[in-house]
Amino acid sequence: MPIIVNLDVMMAKRKMSLNELSEKVGLTLSNLSILKTGKAKAIRFSTLEAICEVLNCQPGDILEFINEKI
């Protein structure tokens, strides 16, 4: 998949656990885990906004596009 989720990288930079992020964002551990492992098919802007707010980052810090056609 050409969209890479770098949530684990940002969490490590902020020294934040999945449990802590889950509590601060208001999402279940299972939903965050699906997103973190790159298995999510979509993400709501409101979820992305909440994650960026808690991690003090930009959407581009979490989501990355890799062009596989090159």
PDB file of N, CA and C in Angstrom:
ATOM      1  N   MET A   1       0.845  -1.184   0.000  1.00  0.00           N
ATOM      2  CA  MET A   1       0.000   0.000   0.000  1.00  0.00           C
ATOM      3  C   MET A   1       0.883   1.238   0.000  1.00  0.00           C
ATOM      4  N   PRO A   2       0.587   2.193  -0.862  1.00  0.00           N
ATOM      5  CA  PRO A   2       1.460   3.364  -0.974  1.00  0.00           C
ATOM      6  C   PRO A   2       1.334   4.389   0.165  1.00  0.00           C
ATOM      7  N   ILE A   3       0.333   4.267   1.043  1.00  0.00           N
ATOM      8  CA  ILE A   3       0.226   5.168   2.187  1.00  0.00           C
ATOM      9  C   ILE A   3       0.810   4.454   3.404  1.00  0.00           C
ATOM     10  N   ILE A   4       1.827   5.059   4.000  1.00  0.00           N
ATOM     11  CA  ILE A   4       2.497   4.495   5.162  1.00  0.00           C
ATOM     12  C   ILE A   4       2.077   5.295   6.392  1.00  0.00           C
ATOM     13  N   VAL A   5       1.731   4.589   7.464  1.00  0.00           N
ATOM     14  CA  VAL A   5       1.331   5.238   8.719  1.00  0.00           C
ATOM     15  C   VAL A   5       2.525   5.196   9.670  1.00  0.00           C
ATOM     16  N   ASN A   6       3.007   6.366  10.048  1.00  0.00           N
ATOM     17  CA  ASN A   6       4.161   6.484  10.931  1.00  0.00           C
ATOM     18  C   ASN A   6       3.750   6.868  12.351  1.00  0.00           C
ATOM     19  N   LEU A   7       2.605   6.396  12.784  1.00  0.00           N
ATOM     20  CA  LEU A   7       2.115   6.726  14.116  1.00  0.00           C
ATOM     21  C   LEU A   7       3.072   6.224  15.189  1.00  0.00           C
ATOM     22  N   ASP A   8       3.604   5.035  15.009  1.00  0.00           N
ATOM     23  CA  ASP A   8       4.530   4.489  16.009  1.00  0.00           C
ATOM     24  C   ASP A   8       5.798   5.331  16.132  1.00  0.00           C
ATOM     25  N   VAL A   9       6.247   5.899  15.024  1.00  0.00           N
ATOM     26  CA  VAL A   9       7.433   6.759  15.037  1.00  0.00           C
ATOM     27  C   VAL A   9       7.161   8.026  15.851  1.00  0.00           C
ATOM     28  N   MET A  10       6.013   8.654  15.607  1.00  0.00           N
ATOM     29  CA  MET A  10       5.674   9.874  16.339  1.00  0.00           C
ATOM     30  C   MET A  10       5.443   9.584  17.815  1.00  0.00           C
ATOM     31  N   MET A  11       4.839   8.449  18.116  1.00  0.00           N
ATOM     32  CA  MET A  11       4.629   8.078  19.517  1.00  0.00           C
ATOM     33  C   MET A  11       5.975   7.879  20.217  1.00  0.00           C
ATOM     34  N   ALA A  12       6.918   7.256  19.538  1.00  0.00           N
ATOM     35  CA  ALA A  12       8.244   7.038  20.119  1.00  0.00           C
ATOM     36  C   ALA A  12       8.958   8.369  20.346  1.00  0.00           C
ATOM     37  N   LYS A  13       8.849   9.285  19.378  1.00  0.00           N
ATOM     38  CA  LYS A  13       9.478  10.600  19.530  1.00  0.00           C
ATOM     39  C   LYS A  13       8.908  11.366  20.722  1.00  0.00           C
ATOM     40  N   ARG A  14       7.626  11.169  20.984  1.00  0.00           N
ATOM     41  CA  ARG A  14       6.963  11.865  22.098  1.00  0.00           C
ATOM     42  C   ARG A  14       6.975  11.037  23.392  1.00  0.00           C
ATOM     43  N   LYS A  15       7.593   9.849  23.294  1.00  0.00           N
ATOM     44  CA  LYS A  15       7.658   8.932  24.448  1.00  0.00           C
ATOM     45  C   LYS A  15       6.277   8.672  25.034  1.00  0.00           C
ATOM     46  N   MET A  16       5.333   8.340  24.134  1.00  0.00           N
ATOM     47  CA  MET A  16       3.951   8.117  24.538  1.00  0.00           C
ATOM     48  C   MET A  16       3.546   6.686  24.192  1.00  0.00           C
ATOM     49  N   SER A  17       2.903   6.029  25.123  1.00  0.00           N
ATOM     50  CA  SER A  17       2.439   4.656  24.902  1.00  0.00           C
ATOM     51  C   SER A  17       1.100   4.678  24.161  1.00  0.00           C
ATOM     52  N   LEU A  18       0.740   3.524  23.633  1.00  0.00           N
ATOM     53  CA  LEU A  18      -0.545   3.391  22.950  1.00  0.00           C
ATOM     54  C   LEU A  18      -1.692   3.613  23.941  1.00  0.00           C
ATOM     55  N   ASN A  19      -1.518   3.131  25.164  1.00  0.00           N
ATOM     56  CA  ASN A  19      -2.542   3.340  26.195  1.00  0.00           C
ATOM     57  C   ASN A  19      -2.749   4.823  26.487  1.00  0.00           C
ATOM     58  N   GLU A  20      -1.660   5.543  26.633  1.00  0.00           N
ATOM     59  CA  GLU A  20      -1.741   6.978  26.933  1.00  0.00           C
ATOM     60  C   GLU A  20      -2.381   7.744  25.778  1.00  0.00           C
ATOM     61  N   LEU A  21      -1.972   7.426  24.556  1.00  0.00           N
ATOM     62  CA  LEU A  21      -2.548   8.090  23.387  1.00  0.00           C
ATOM     63  C   LEU A  21      -4.036   7.774  23.280  1.00  0.00           C
ATOM     64  N   SER A  22      -4.393   6.536  23.544  1.00  0.00           N
ATOM     65  CA  SER A  22      -5.793   6.122  23.491  1.00  0.00           C
ATOM     66  C   SER A  22      -6.647   6.944  24.450  1.00  0.00           C
ATOM     67  N   GLU A  23      -6.164   7.122  25.662  1.00  0.00           N
ATOM     68  CA  GLU A  23      -6.898   7.898  26.666  1.00  0.00           C
ATOM     69  C   GLU A  23      -7.031   9.359  26.263  1.00  0.00           C
ATOM     70  N   LYS A  24      -5.938   9.948  25.754  1.00  0.00           N
ATOM     71  CA  LYS A  24      -5.946  11.373  25.416  1.00  0.00           C
ATOM     72  C   LYS A  24      -6.756  11.679  24.159  1.00  0.00           C
ATOM     73  N   VAL A  25      -6.773  10.743  23.214  1.00  0.00           N
ATOM     74  CA  VAL A  25      -7.493  10.953  21.953  1.00  0.00           C
ATOM     75  C   VAL A  25      -8.952  10.533  22.070  1.00  0.00           C
ATOM     76  N   GLY A  26      -9.213   9.556  22.945  1.00  0.00           N
ATOM     77  CA  GLY A  26     -10.576   9.075  23.106  1.00  0.00           C
ATOM     78  C   GLY A  26     -10.950   7.975  22.130  1.00  0.00           C
ATOM     79  N   LEU A  27      -9.951   7.206  21.695  1.00  0.00           N
ATOM     80  CA  LEU A  27     -10.189   6.064  20.811  1.00  0.00           C
ATOM     81  C   LEU A  27      -9.846   4.785  21.553  1.00  0.00           C
ATOM     82  N   THR A  28     -10.443   3.692  21.111  1.00  0.00           N
ATOM     83  CA  THR A  28     -10.146   2.411  21.742  1.00  0.00           C
ATOM     84  C   THR A  28      -8.734   1.970  21.355  1.00  0.00           C
ATOM     85  N   LEU A  29      -8.164   1.132  22.199  1.00  0.00           N
ATOM     86  CA  LEU A  29      -6.838   0.580  21.910  1.00  0.00           C
ATOM     87  C   LEU A  29      -6.838  -0.189  20.601  1.00  0.00           C
ATOM     88  N   SER A  30      -7.900  -0.949  20.362  1.00  0.00           N
ATOM     89  CA  SER A  30      -7.948  -1.761  19.137  1.00  0.00           C
ATOM     90  C   SER A  30      -7.983  -0.886  17.888  1.00  0.00           C
ATOM     91  N   ASN A  31      -8.743   0.201  17.915  1.00  0.00           N
ATOM     92  CA  ASN A  31      -8.785   1.098  16.749  1.00  0.00           C
ATOM     93  C   ASN A  31      -7.438   1.776  16.518  1.00  0.00           C
ATOM     94  N   LEU A  32      -6.787   2.217  17.584  1.00  0.00           N
ATOM     95  CA  LEU A  32      -5.468   2.830  17.435  1.00  0.00           C
ATOM     96  C   LEU A  32      -4.438   1.814  16.965  1.00  0.00           C
ATOM     97  N   SER A  33      -4.549   0.593  17.445  1.00  0.00           N
ATOM     98  CA  SER A  33      -3.629  -0.455  17.041  1.00  0.00           C
ATOM     99  C   SER A  33      -3.760  -0.758  15.551  1.00  0.00           C
ATOM    100  N   ILE A  34      -4.987  -0.805  15.062  1.00  0.00           N
ATOM    101  CA  ILE A  34      -5.232  -1.024  13.631  1.00  0.00           C
ATOM    102  C   ILE A  34      -4.600   0.096  12.808  1.00  0.00           C
ATOM    103  N   LEU A  35      -4.743   1.314  13.275  1.00  0.00           N
ATOM    104  CA  LEU A  35      -4.144   2.455  12.587  1.00  0.00           C
ATOM    105  C   LEU A  35      -2.620   2.385  12.653  1.00  0.00           C
ATOM    106  N   LYS A  36      -2.103   2.096  13.820  1.00  0.00           N
ATOM    107  CA  LYS A  36      -0.650   2.051  14.040  1.00  0.00           C
ATOM    108  C   LYS A  36       0.028   0.993  13.183  1.00  0.00           C
ATOM    109  N   THR A  37      -0.617  -0.147  13.004  1.00  0.00           N
ATOM    110  CA  THR A  37      -0.019  -1.235  12.227  1.00  0.00           C
ATOM    111  C   THR A  37      -0.231  -1.075  10.722  1.00  0.00           C
ATOM    112  N   GLY A  38      -0.948  -0.029  10.316  1.00  0.00           N
ATOM    113  CA  GLY A  38      -1.162   0.215   8.892  1.00  0.00           C
ATOM    114  C   GLY A  38      -2.261  -0.622   8.285  1.00  0.00           C
ATOM    115  N   LYS A  39      -3.090  -1.248   9.107  1.00  0.00           N
ATOM    116  CA  LYS A  39      -4.165  -2.099   8.599  1.00  0.00           C
ATOM    117  C   LYS A  39      -5.465  -1.334   8.371  1.00  0.00           C
ATOM    118  N   ALA A  40      -5.501  -0.059   8.743  1.00  0.00           N
ATOM    119  CA  ALA A  40      -6.716   0.742   8.577  1.00  0.00           C
ATOM    120  C   ALA A  40      -6.931   1.056   7.102  1.00  0.00           C
ATOM    121  N   LYS A  41      -8.187   1.053   6.698  1.00  0.00           N
ATOM    122  CA  LYS A  41      -8.544   1.396   5.321  1.00  0.00           C
ATOM    123  C   LYS A  41      -8.812   2.891   5.169  1.00  0.00           C
ATOM    124  N   ALA A  42      -9.115   3.546   6.290  1.00  0.00           N
ATOM    125  CA  ALA A  42      -9.441   4.978   6.251  1.00  0.00           C
ATOM    126  C   ALA A  42      -9.214   5.572   7.633  1.00  0.00           C
ATOM    127  N   ILE A  43      -9.162   6.906   7.677  1.00  0.00           N
ATOM    128  CA  ILE A  43      -9.082   7.616   8.941  1.00  0.00           C
ATOM    129  C   ILE A  43      -9.926   8.885   8.814  1.00  0.00           C
ATOM    130  N   ARG A  44     -10.696   9.154   9.837  1.00  0.00           N
ATOM    131  CA  ARG A  44     -11.506  10.372   9.837  1.00  0.00           C
ATOM    132  C   ARG A  44     -10.612  11.576  10.117  1.00  0.00           C
ATOM    133  N   PHE A  45     -10.959  12.693   9.498  1.00  0.00           N
ATOM    134  CA  PHE A  45     -10.199  13.918   9.750  1.00  0.00           C
ATOM    135  C   PHE A  45     -10.248  14.302  11.222  1.00  0.00           C
ATOM    136  N   SER A  46     -11.370  14.063  11.873  1.00  0.00           N
ATOM    137  CA  SER A  46     -11.483  14.402  13.296  1.00  0.00           C
ATOM    138  C   SER A  46     -10.530  13.547  14.134  1.00  0.00           C
ATOM    139  N   THR A  47     -10.343  12.290  13.750  1.00  0.00           N
ATOM    140  CA  THR A  47      -9.395  11.412  14.445  1.00  0.00           C
ATOM    141  C   THR A  47      -7.972  11.875  14.195  1.00  0.00           C
ATOM    142  N   LEU A  48      -7.657  12.174  12.943  1.00  0.00           N
ATOM    143  CA  LEU A  48      -6.326  12.662  12.591  1.00  0.00           C
ATOM    144  C   LEU A  48      -6.019  13.965  13.313  1.00  0.00           C
ATOM    145  N   GLU A  49      -7.006  14.839  13.381  1.00  0.00           N
ATOM    146  CA  GLU A  49      -6.846  16.117  14.084  1.00  0.00           C
ATOM    147  C   GLU A  49      -6.548  15.892  15.563  1.00  0.00           C
ATOM    148  N   ALA A  50      -7.288  14.992  16.198  1.00  0.00           N
ATOM    149  CA  ALA A  50      -7.083  14.710  17.621  1.00  0.00           C
ATOM    150  C   ALA A  50      -5.699  14.117  17.872  1.00  0.00           C
ATOM    151  N   ILE A  51      -5.272  13.207  17.018  1.00  0.00           N
ATOM    152  CA  ILE A  51      -3.951  12.596  17.169  1.00  0.00           C
ATOM    153  C   ILE A  51      -2.859  13.657  17.003  1.00  0.00           C
ATOM    154  N   CYS A  52      -2.998  14.505  16.000  1.00  0.00           N
ATOM    155  CA  CYS A  52      -2.011  15.558  15.761  1.00  0.00           C
ATOM    156  C   CYS A  52      -1.965  16.539  16.930  1.00  0.00           C
ATOM    157  N   GLU A  53      -3.110  16.839  17.488  1.00  0.00           N
ATOM    158  CA  GLU A  53      -3.163  17.753  18.620  1.00  0.00           C
ATOM    159  C   GLU A  53      -2.430  17.159  19.831  1.00  0.00           C
ATOM    160  N   VAL A  54      -2.699  15.891  20.128  1.00  0.00           N
ATOM    161  CA  VAL A  54      -2.083  15.240  21.287  1.00  0.00           C
ATOM    162  C   VAL A  54      -0.578  15.056  21.078  1.00  0.00           C
ATOM    163  N   LEU A  55      -0.174  14.671  19.865  1.00  0.00           N
ATOM    164  CA  LEU A  55       1.240  14.429  19.591  1.00  0.00           C
ATOM    165  C   LEU A  55       1.992  15.689  19.165  1.00  0.00           C
ATOM    166  N   ASN A  56       1.261  16.803  19.049  1.00  0.00           N
ATOM    167  CA  ASN A  56       1.855  18.079  18.636  1.00  0.00           C
ATOM    168  C   ASN A  56       2.651  17.912  17.332  1.00  0.00           C
ATOM    169  N   CYS A  57       1.936  17.445  16.299  1.00  0.00           N
ATOM    170  CA  CYS A  57       2.581  17.198  15.015  1.00  0.00           C
ATOM    171  C   CYS A  57       1.621  17.570  13.879  1.00  0.00           C
ATOM    172  N   GLN A  58       2.078  17.402  12.673  1.00  0.00           N
ATOM    173  CA  GLN A  58       1.295  17.656  11.470  1.00  0.00           C
ATOM    174  C   GLN A  58       0.838  16.324  10.869  1.00  0.00           C
ATOM    175  N   PRO A  59      -0.259  16.322  10.080  1.00  0.00           N
ATOM    176  CA  PRO A  59      -0.706  15.077   9.438  1.00  0.00           C
ATOM    177  C   PRO A  59       0.393  14.405   8.616  1.00  0.00           C
ATOM    178  N   GLY A  60       1.239  15.204   7.984  1.00  0.00           N
ATOM    179  CA  GLY A  60       2.340  14.659   7.191  1.00  0.00           C
ATOM    180  C   GLY A  60       3.395  13.947   8.019  1.00  0.00           C
ATOM    181  N   ASP A  61       3.411  14.197   9.322  1.00  0.00           N
ATOM    182  CA  ASP A  61       4.328  13.473  10.203  1.00  0.00           C
ATOM    183  C   ASP A  61       3.830  12.054  10.456  1.00  0.00           C
ATOM    184  N   ILE A  62       2.534  11.855  10.291  1.00  0.00           N
ATOM    185  CA  ILE A  62       1.911  10.555  10.569  1.00  0.00           C
ATOM    186  C   ILE A  62       1.675   9.760   9.297  1.00  0.00           C
ATOM    187  N   LEU A  63       1.251  10.435   8.235  1.00  0.00           N
ATOM    188  CA  LEU A  63       0.935   9.765   6.973  1.00  0.00           C
ATOM    189  C   LEU A  63       1.972  10.117   5.917  1.00  0.00           C
ATOM    190  N   GLU A  64       2.404   9.103   5.168  1.00  0.00           N
ATOM    191  CA  GLU A  64       3.415   9.289   4.147  1.00  0.00           C
ATOM    192  C   GLU A  64       2.988   8.548   2.882  1.00  0.00           C
ATOM    193  N   PHE A  65       3.174   9.177   1.729  1.00  0.00           N
ATOM    194  CA  PHE A  65       2.842   8.548   0.449  1.00  0.00           C
ATOM    195  C   PHE A  65       4.119   8.030  -0.198  1.00  0.00           C
ATOM    196  N   ILE A  66       4.110   6.758  -0.555  1.00  0.00           N
ATOM    197  CA  ILE A  66       5.239   6.144  -1.269  1.00  0.00           C
ATOM    198  C   ILE A  66       4.744   5.749  -2.657  1.00  0.00           C
ATOM    199  N   ASN A  67       5.340   6.331  -3.673  1.00  0.00           N
ATOM    200  CA  ASN A  67       4.940   6.035  -5.043  1.00  0.00           C
ATOM    201  C   ASN A  67       5.583   4.722  -5.472  1.00  0.00           C
ATOM    202  N   GLU A  68       4.783   3.685  -5.595  1.00  0.00           N
ATOM    203  CA  GLU A  68       5.289   2.362  -5.966  1.00  0.00           C
ATOM    204  C   GLU A  68       5.545   2.197  -7.459  1.00  0.00           C
ATOM    205  N   LYS A  69       5.117   3.181  -8.236  1.00  0.00           N
ATOM    206  CA  LYS A  69       5.264   3.080  -9.695  1.00  0.00           C
ATOM    207  C   LYS A  69       6.632   3.536 -10.187  1.00  0.00           C
ATOM    208  N   ILE A  70       7.419   4.082  -9.302  1.00  0.00           N
ATOM    209  CA  ILE A  70       8.754   4.572  -9.707  1.00  0.00           C
ATOM    210  C   ILE A  70       9.721   3.420  -9.734  1.00  0.00           C
TER     211      ILE A  70
END
